[in-house]
Amino acid sequence: MMSRKVAFLQRIHHLLVNVVQRKVNIEQGLNN
């Protein structure tokens, strides 16, 4: 039962990391 919860949390974490990296890339692009 826990594995499903862990997979769900990992998916959310992966999405958050993608959003943050995209935001950082955009900000770095604007600074350049």
N, C-alpha and C. Protein backbone atom coordinates (compact mmCIF):
# COMPACT_ATOMS: atom_id res chain seq x y z
N MET A 1 0.84 -1.21 0.00
CA MET A 1 0.00 0.00 0.00
C MET A 1 0.88 1.26 0.00
N MET A 2 2.01 1.19 0.68
CA MET A 2 2.87 2.38 0.77
C MET A 2 3.51 2.70 -0.57
N SER A 3 3.80 1.67 -1.37
CA SER A 3 4.50 1.91 -2.63
C SER A 3 3.70 2.82 -3.55
N ARG A 4 2.35 2.69 -3.51
CA ARG A 4 1.52 3.55 -4.37
C ARG A 4 1.64 5.00 -3.91
N LYS A 5 1.66 5.20 -2.59
CA LYS A 5 1.77 6.56 -2.06
C LYS A 5 3.13 7.16 -2.41
N VAL A 6 4.17 6.34 -2.31
CA VAL A 6 5.52 6.82 -2.63
C VAL A 6 5.60 7.18 -4.11
N ALA A 7 5.04 6.36 -4.98
CA ALA A 7 5.06 6.64 -6.41
C ALA A 7 4.32 7.94 -6.70
N PHE A 8 3.22 8.17 -6.00
CA PHE A 8 2.44 9.39 -6.18
C PHE A 8 3.26 10.61 -5.76
N LEU A 9 3.95 10.50 -4.61
CA LEU A 9 4.77 11.61 -4.12
C LEU A 9 5.94 11.87 -5.07
N GLN A 10 6.53 10.79 -5.59
CA GLN A 10 7.65 10.96 -6.51
C GLN A 10 7.20 11.68 -7.77
N ARG A 11 5.98 11.35 -8.24
CA ARG A 11 5.46 12.00 -9.45
C ARG A 11 5.27 13.50 -9.21
N ILE A 12 4.71 13.84 -8.04
CA ILE A 12 4.49 15.26 -7.70
C ILE A 12 5.84 15.97 -7.59
N HIS A 13 6.80 15.32 -6.93
CA HIS A 13 8.13 15.91 -6.77
C HIS A 13 8.77 16.15 -8.13
N HIS A 14 8.63 15.19 -9.04
CA HIS A 14 9.22 15.32 -10.37
C HIS A 14 8.60 16.51 -11.10
N LEU A 15 7.28 16.66 -10.98
CA LEU A 15 6.61 17.79 -11.64
C LEU A 15 7.09 19.12 -11.06
N LEU A 16 7.23 19.17 -9.73
CA LEU A 16 7.69 20.41 -9.09
C LEU A 16 9.10 20.76 -9.54
N VAL A 17 9.97 19.75 -9.63
CA VAL A 17 11.35 20.00 -10.06
C VAL A 17 11.36 20.54 -11.48
N ASN A 18 10.51 19.97 -12.35
CA ASN A 18 10.45 20.45 -13.74
C ASN A 18 10.01 21.90 -13.79
N VAL A 19 8.99 22.26 -12.99
CA VAL A 19 8.48 23.63 -12.99
C VAL A 19 9.56 24.59 -12.49
N VAL A 20 10.23 24.22 -11.41
CA VAL A 20 11.26 25.10 -10.85
C VAL A 20 12.41 25.28 -11.83
N GLN A 21 12.85 24.19 -12.46
CA GLN A 21 13.96 24.29 -13.41
C GLN A 21 13.58 25.16 -14.59
N ARG A 22 12.33 25.01 -15.06
CA ARG A 22 11.88 25.82 -16.20
C ARG A 22 11.87 27.30 -15.80
N LYS A 23 11.41 27.59 -14.57
CA LYS A 23 11.37 28.97 -14.08
C LYS A 23 12.78 29.55 -13.99
N VAL A 24 13.71 28.76 -13.47
CA VAL A 24 15.10 29.22 -13.35
C VAL A 24 15.69 29.46 -14.73
N ASN A 25 15.42 28.56 -15.68
CA ASN A 25 15.95 28.72 -17.03
C ASN A 25 15.41 29.99 -17.67
N ILE A 26 14.13 30.28 -17.47
CA ILE A 26 13.53 31.49 -18.04
C ILE A 26 14.18 32.73 -17.42
N GLU A 27 14.37 32.71 -16.09
CA GLU A 27 14.95 33.86 -15.42
C GLU A 27 16.40 34.07 -15.87
N GLN A 28 17.15 32.97 -16.04
CA GLN A 28 18.53 33.10 -16.50
C GLN A 28 18.55 33.64 -17.93
N GLY A 29 17.59 33.20 -18.76
CA GLY A 29 17.51 33.68 -20.14
C GLY A 29 17.23 35.17 -20.18
N LEU A 30 16.37 35.64 -19.26
CA LEU A 30 16.05 37.07 -19.22
C LEU A 30 17.25 37.87 -18.74
N ASN A 31 18.00 37.31 -17.79
CA ASN A 31 19.17 38.02 -17.27
C ASN A 31 20.25 38.13 -18.34
N ASN A 32 20.35 37.12 -19.19
CA ASN A 32 21.33 37.17 -20.27
C ASN A 32 20.78 38.10 -21.32
